[in-house]
Amino acid sequence: MKKLSASHGEQLALALDPPSSAVEGAAPAPDVRTRRAVVGNDVIGYRLRRARRRTIGFQIDDEGLTISAPRWVTLREIEAAIAEKQRWIRNKHREWREWREKRRLPQVVFADGGVLPYLGRPVTLRLIAVAGATRLNDTANEVHLALPREAGIEQVRDALQAWLQAEAGRVFGERIAHFADRIDARFAGWKISSARSQWGSCTHDGRIRLNWRLVHFSLPVIDYVIAHELAHLRELNHSPRFWHAVGKLLPGFEAARDEIRQVDIGALPV
């Protein structure tokens, strides 16, 4: 199964010459330990992962600095490598924090007057104690929930999420129909997904899944994710042929791809 996910990381590898006896035979399973290195007046925390490899690898992600090193490399050598690469480490830590901050979305207040993104634009929640279903007032750019103004947070969240999921089903169905005459591979149908780690996925039997939270985004972004997954019906990879297939389905997809790459699914308000 291929999936479109929101993941990011900065990596660097530093090559060393292993002793001849160190690369023979099977290595034990990797282990990870938390350590600290003193570099000048600074203390750099890192996770040390011992693995079967020939280089010291540096990676910056949500967990901070992770160093993957062969078992034969001493701690002194690892900390010397940290000192050598300290400028890279500091720069990437700063870039990572800035990147994470850009991915954060405003928190929704689940009460009358709260604002959330819907199809790429902000809409305001209005609690109206009248019988009926949740509906969108396009003129006022408001979502009207049939709830009393004193409704609790969970009650508002549940009603809003139910409406968003129903809207996702409607909108995605319309957008897939838009691509119908361009699909030149076996397509066995689609379903809504609630995954917290991927925007969409495609299986070998021709079925795709689309995360309902995409309904927060504009139609060009939704179209990109749909085109991405439909292209996987032909190419279950991310080769040049795959990206050619995406471009054939959706010319000029790059801006939408770059936009959604910057968003963390886990940071979405609902």
Protein backbone atom coordinates (compact mmCIF):
# COMPACT_ATOMS: atom_id res chain seq x y z
CA MET A 1 0.00 0.00 0.00
CA LYS A 2 1.27 3.47 -0.92
CA LYS A 3 0.33 6.43 1.19
CA LEU A 4 0.64 10.19 1.10
CA SER A 5 1.91 11.31 4.46
CA ALA A 6 3.15 14.41 6.23
CA SER A 7 6.66 13.61 7.33
CA HIS A 8 9.87 15.60 7.39
CA GLY A 9 13.43 15.28 8.61
CA GLU A 10 16.98 16.54 8.13
CA GLN A 11 19.73 13.97 7.85
CA LEU A 12 23.51 13.95 7.51
CA ALA A 13 25.92 11.02 7.27
CA LEU A 14 29.57 11.06 8.31
CA ALA A 15 31.69 8.22 6.94
CA LEU A 16 34.32 6.42 9.01
CA ASP A 17 36.64 3.53 8.23
CA PRO A 18 35.56 0.43 10.22
CA PRO A 19 38.01 -2.14 11.55
CA SER A 20 37.96 -5.17 9.26
CA SER A 21 36.44 -7.43 11.90
CA ALA A 22 33.56 -5.06 12.60
CA VAL A 23 31.70 -5.54 9.35
CA GLU A 24 31.60 -9.33 9.30
CA GLY A 25 28.57 -11.35 10.42
CA ALA A 26 25.11 -10.30 11.54
CA ALA A 27 24.77 -7.36 13.91
CA PRO A 28 22.54 -7.47 17.00
CA ALA A 29 19.24 -5.59 16.91
CA PRO A 30 19.63 -1.80 17.19
CA ASP A 31 19.21 -0.16 20.59
CA VAL A 32 18.52 3.49 21.40
CA ARG A 33 19.85 5.38 24.39
CA THR A 34 19.57 9.01 25.47
CA ARG A 35 22.88 10.77 26.08
CA ARG A 36 24.42 14.24 26.39
CA ALA A 37 27.58 15.65 24.85
CA VAL A 38 29.45 18.71 26.19
CA VAL A 39 30.56 20.89 23.28
CA GLY A 40 32.35 24.02 24.50
CA ASN A 41 29.94 25.72 26.87
CA ASP A 42 26.92 23.92 25.46
CA VAL A 43 25.30 20.60 26.27
CA ILE A 44 23.78 18.81 23.28
CA GLY A 45 21.28 16.08 24.06
CA TYR A 46 20.89 13.25 21.59
CA ARG A 47 19.49 9.77 21.12
CA LEU A 48 22.18 7.24 20.26
CA ARG A 49 21.06 4.39 18.05
CA ARG A 50 23.49 1.54 17.50
CA ALA A 51 22.89 -0.05 14.12
CA ARG A 52 24.51 -2.05 11.40
CA ARG A 53 25.95 0.65 9.15
CA ARG A 54 29.30 2.09 8.03
CA THR A 55 28.68 5.75 8.83
CA ILE A 56 27.61 8.01 11.66
CA GLY A 57 24.20 9.41 10.74
CA PHE A 58 22.68 12.60 12.15
CA GLN A 59 18.92 13.21 12.00
CA ILE A 60 16.83 16.11 13.33
CA ASP A 61 13.10 15.50 13.78
CA ASP A 62 10.34 15.83 16.38
CA GLU A 63 12.40 13.83 18.87
CA GLY A 64 15.43 16.10 18.54
CA LEU A 65 18.86 14.87 17.46
CA THR A 66 19.23 11.16 16.76
CA ILE A 67 22.64 9.71 15.95
CA SER A 68 22.91 6.31 14.31
CA ALA A 69 26.35 4.79 14.63
CA PRO A 70 28.06 1.42 14.11
CA ARG A 71 28.70 -0.52 17.28
CA TRP A 72 32.46 -0.34 16.80
CA VAL A 73 32.50 3.49 16.94
CA THR A 74 33.43 4.74 20.42
CA LEU A 75 31.53 7.40 22.35
CA ARG A 76 34.62 9.62 22.11
CA GLU A 77 34.47 9.40 18.31
CA ILE A 78 30.74 10.09 18.32
CA GLU A 79 31.13 13.17 20.50
CA ALA A 80 34.02 14.38 18.33
CA ALA A 81 31.68 14.07 15.34
CA ILE A 82 29.02 16.07 17.24
CA ALA A 83 31.58 18.81 17.93
CA GLU A 84 32.59 18.82 14.27
CA LYS A 85 28.97 19.12 13.11
CA GLN A 86 27.69 21.38 15.90
CA ARG A 87 26.95 24.28 13.53
CA TRP A 88 24.89 21.99 11.27
CA ILE A 89 23.08 20.60 14.33
CA ARG A 90 22.20 24.06 15.69
CA ASN A 91 21.07 25.33 12.29
CA LYS A 92 18.87 22.30 11.68
CA HIS A 93 17.37 22.51 15.17
CA ARG A 94 16.42 26.13 14.47
CA GLU A 95 15.05 25.32 11.00
CA TRP A 96 13.06 22.42 12.43
CA ARG A 97 11.49 24.60 15.12
CA GLU A 98 10.58 27.23 12.52
CA TRP A 99 9.14 24.58 10.21
CA ARG A 100 7.06 23.09 13.02
CA GLU A 101 5.76 26.52 13.97
CA LYS A 102 4.62 27.17 10.40
CA ARG A 103 2.69 23.90 10.48
CA ARG A 104 0.71 24.90 13.57
CA LEU A 105 -2.86 25.94 12.94
CA PRO A 106 -4.98 28.19 15.17
CA GLN A 107 -6.90 26.33 17.83
CA VAL A 108 -10.65 26.22 17.34
CA VAL A 109 -12.86 27.40 20.18
CA PHE A 110 -15.76 24.94 20.20
CA ALA A 111 -18.41 27.50 21.11
CA ASP A 112 -20.54 30.15 19.47
CA GLY A 113 -18.21 32.47 17.55
CA GLY A 114 -15.41 29.94 17.09
CA VAL A 115 -13.64 29.96 13.71
CA LEU A 116 -12.30 27.02 11.72
CA PRO A 117 -11.07 26.38 8.16
CA TYR A 118 -13.51 24.85 5.68
CA LEU A 119 -12.58 24.35 2.02
CA GLY A 120 -9.69 26.75 2.47
CA ARG A 121 -11.59 29.63 4.03
CA PRO A 122 -12.45 30.56 7.63
CA VAL A 123 -16.04 29.98 8.73
CA THR A 124 -17.64 30.98 12.02
CA LEU A 125 -19.56 28.62 14.30
CA ARG A 126 -23.03 29.70 15.33
CA LEU A 127 -25.06 27.78 17.90
CA ILE A 128 -28.75 28.14 17.10
CA ALA A 129 -31.24 26.31 19.31
CA VAL A 130 -33.68 25.33 16.57
CA ALA A 131 -34.67 21.94 15.22
CA GLY A 132 -32.80 20.77 12.16
CA ALA A 133 -29.42 19.63 10.93
CA THR A 134 -26.13 21.47 10.85
CA ARG A 135 -25.89 23.61 7.74
CA LEU A 136 -23.61 26.12 6.05
CA ASN A 137 -24.76 29.70 5.55
CA ASP A 138 -22.64 30.70 2.55
CA THR A 139 -23.81 34.30 2.59
CA ALA A 140 -22.66 34.88 6.17
CA ASN A 141 -19.78 32.39 5.96
CA GLU A 142 -21.15 30.60 9.02
CA VAL A 143 -21.81 27.02 10.08
CA HIS A 144 -25.09 26.82 11.98
CA LEU A 145 -25.22 24.04 14.58
CA ALA A 146 -28.63 23.09 15.96
CA LEU A 147 -27.44 23.40 19.55
CA PRO A 148 -28.18 25.74 22.48
CA ARG A 149 -25.58 28.45 23.08
CA GLU A 150 -24.62 26.83 26.39
CA ALA A 151 -23.75 23.49 24.72
CA GLY A 152 -20.54 21.91 26.03
CA ILE A 153 -17.26 21.66 24.13
CA GLU A 154 -17.60 17.94 23.42
CA GLN A 155 -21.17 18.34 22.18
CA VAL A 156 -20.12 21.11 19.79
CA ARG A 157 -17.06 19.19 18.63
CA ASP A 158 -19.07 16.03 17.93
CA ALA A 159 -21.75 17.88 15.96
CA LEU A 160 -19.14 19.79 13.99
CA GLN A 161 -17.07 16.70 13.22
CA ALA A 162 -20.14 14.79 12.02
CA TRP A 163 -20.96 17.65 9.65
CA LEU A 164 -17.38 17.92 8.38
CA GLN A 165 -17.21 14.19 7.68
CA ALA A 166 -20.50 14.33 5.77
CA GLU A 167 -19.22 17.32 3.80
CA ALA A 168 -15.99 15.46 3.06
CA GLY A 169 -17.97 12.56 1.59
CA ARG A 170 -19.97 14.92 -0.59
CA VAL A 171 -17.04 17.04 -1.77
CA PHE A 172 -14.66 14.13 -2.40
CA GLY A 173 -17.33 12.30 -4.38
CA GLU A 174 -17.80 15.35 -6.60
CA ARG A 175 -14.05 15.80 -7.12
CA ILE A 176 -13.48 12.12 -7.96
CA ALA A 177 -16.28 12.37 -10.52
CA HIS A 178 -14.39 15.34 -11.96
CA PHE A 179 -11.43 13.02 -12.63
CA ALA A 180 -13.54 10.11 -13.90
CA ASP A 181 -12.78 10.55 -17.61
CA ARG A 182 -9.04 10.88 -16.91
CA ILE A 183 -8.60 7.66 -14.94
CA ASP A 184 -6.96 5.15 -17.27
CA ALA A 185 -6.25 2.50 -14.64
CA ARG A 186 -8.35 0.11 -12.61
CA PHE A 187 -10.28 2.06 -9.98
CA ALA A 188 -12.31 -0.03 -7.52
CA GLY A 189 -13.73 2.79 -5.42
CA TRP A 190 -12.88 5.00 -2.46
CA LYS A 191 -13.58 5.42 1.23
CA ILE A 192 -13.22 8.06 3.92
CA SER A 193 -10.25 7.68 6.27
CA SER A 194 -9.70 9.03 9.78
CA ALA A 195 -5.95 8.37 9.84
CA ARG A 196 -3.75 10.70 11.86
CA SER A 197 -0.61 10.01 9.82
CA GLN A 198 -1.57 10.22 6.15
CA TRP A 199 -3.74 12.26 3.81
CA GLY A 200 -4.54 9.40 1.48
CA SER A 201 -3.61 5.85 0.54
CA CYS A 202 -3.96 3.41 -2.34
CA THR A 203 -4.11 -0.38 -2.27
CA HIS A 204 -3.01 -2.92 -4.85
CA ASP A 205 -6.62 -3.83 -5.63
CA GLY A 206 -7.42 -0.33 -6.90
CA ARG A 207 -9.07 1.23 -3.85
CA ILE A 208 -8.15 4.61 -2.41
CA ARG A 209 -8.77 6.21 0.97
CA LEU A 210 -9.01 9.95 1.58
CA ASN A 211 -8.67 11.61 4.96
CA TRP A 212 -11.86 13.49 5.79
CA ARG A 213 -9.77 16.30 7.33
CA LEU A 214 -8.86 17.35 3.79
CA VAL A 215 -12.21 19.16 3.84
CA HIS A 216 -10.39 21.92 5.74
CA PHE A 217 -8.39 22.68 2.56
CA SER A 218 -9.16 24.43 -0.70
CA LEU A 219 -10.31 22.41 -3.72
CA PRO A 220 -6.89 22.57 -5.47
CA VAL A 221 -5.31 20.81 -2.46
CA ILE A 222 -8.10 18.22 -2.31
CA ASP A 223 -7.71 17.64 -6.05
CA TYR A 224 -3.97 17.14 -5.62
CA VAL A 225 -4.39 14.42 -2.98
CA ILE A 226 -7.02 12.69 -5.12
CA ALA A 227 -4.79 12.88 -8.22
CA HIS A 228 -1.85 11.61 -6.15
CA GLU A 229 -3.74 8.52 -5.06
CA LEU A 230 -5.30 7.90 -8.47
CA ALA A 231 -1.82 8.07 -10.02
CA HIS A 232 -0.80 5.27 -7.65
CA LEU A 233 -3.30 3.05 -9.45
CA ARG A 234 -0.73 3.01 -12.28
CA GLU A 235 2.51 3.50 -10.37
CA LEU A 236 2.78 2.18 -6.80
CA ASN A 237 5.90 4.27 -6.20
CA HIS A 238 7.13 7.85 -6.41
CA SER A 239 9.22 7.46 -9.55
CA PRO A 240 9.40 10.04 -12.36
CA ARG A 241 6.70 8.02 -14.14
CA PHE A 242 4.45 8.43 -11.09
CA TRP A 243 4.87 12.21 -11.01
CA HIS A 244 4.24 12.31 -14.76
CA ALA A 245 0.96 10.48 -14.10
CA VAL A 246 0.02 13.04 -11.40
CA GLY A 247 0.77 15.88 -13.80
CA LYS A 248 -1.34 14.26 -16.49
CA LEU A 249 -4.30 14.08 -14.10
CA LEU A 250 -3.71 17.51 -12.58
CA PRO A 251 -1.43 19.90 -14.48
CA GLY A 252 0.23 22.46 -12.22
CA PHE A 253 -0.18 20.38 -9.05
CA GLU A 254 3.10 21.53 -7.50
CA ALA A 255 1.76 24.50 -5.50
CA ALA A 256 -0.95 22.38 -3.86
CA ARG A 257 1.60 19.64 -3.12
CA ASP A 258 3.93 22.15 -1.45
CA GLU A 259 1.06 23.61 0.59
CA ILE A 260 -0.09 20.33 2.10
CA ARG A 261 3.45 19.18 2.77
CA GLN A 262 3.72 22.03 5.28
CA VAL A 263 0.72 20.92 7.34
CA ASP A 264 0.77 18.43 10.20
CA ILE A 265 -2.39 16.31 10.29
CA GLY A 266 -2.05 16.07 14.06
CA ALA A 267 -2.22 19.87 14.31
CA LEU A 268 -5.59 20.13 12.58
CA PRO A 269 -8.31 21.51 14.87
CA VAL A 270 -10.88 18.73 14.39
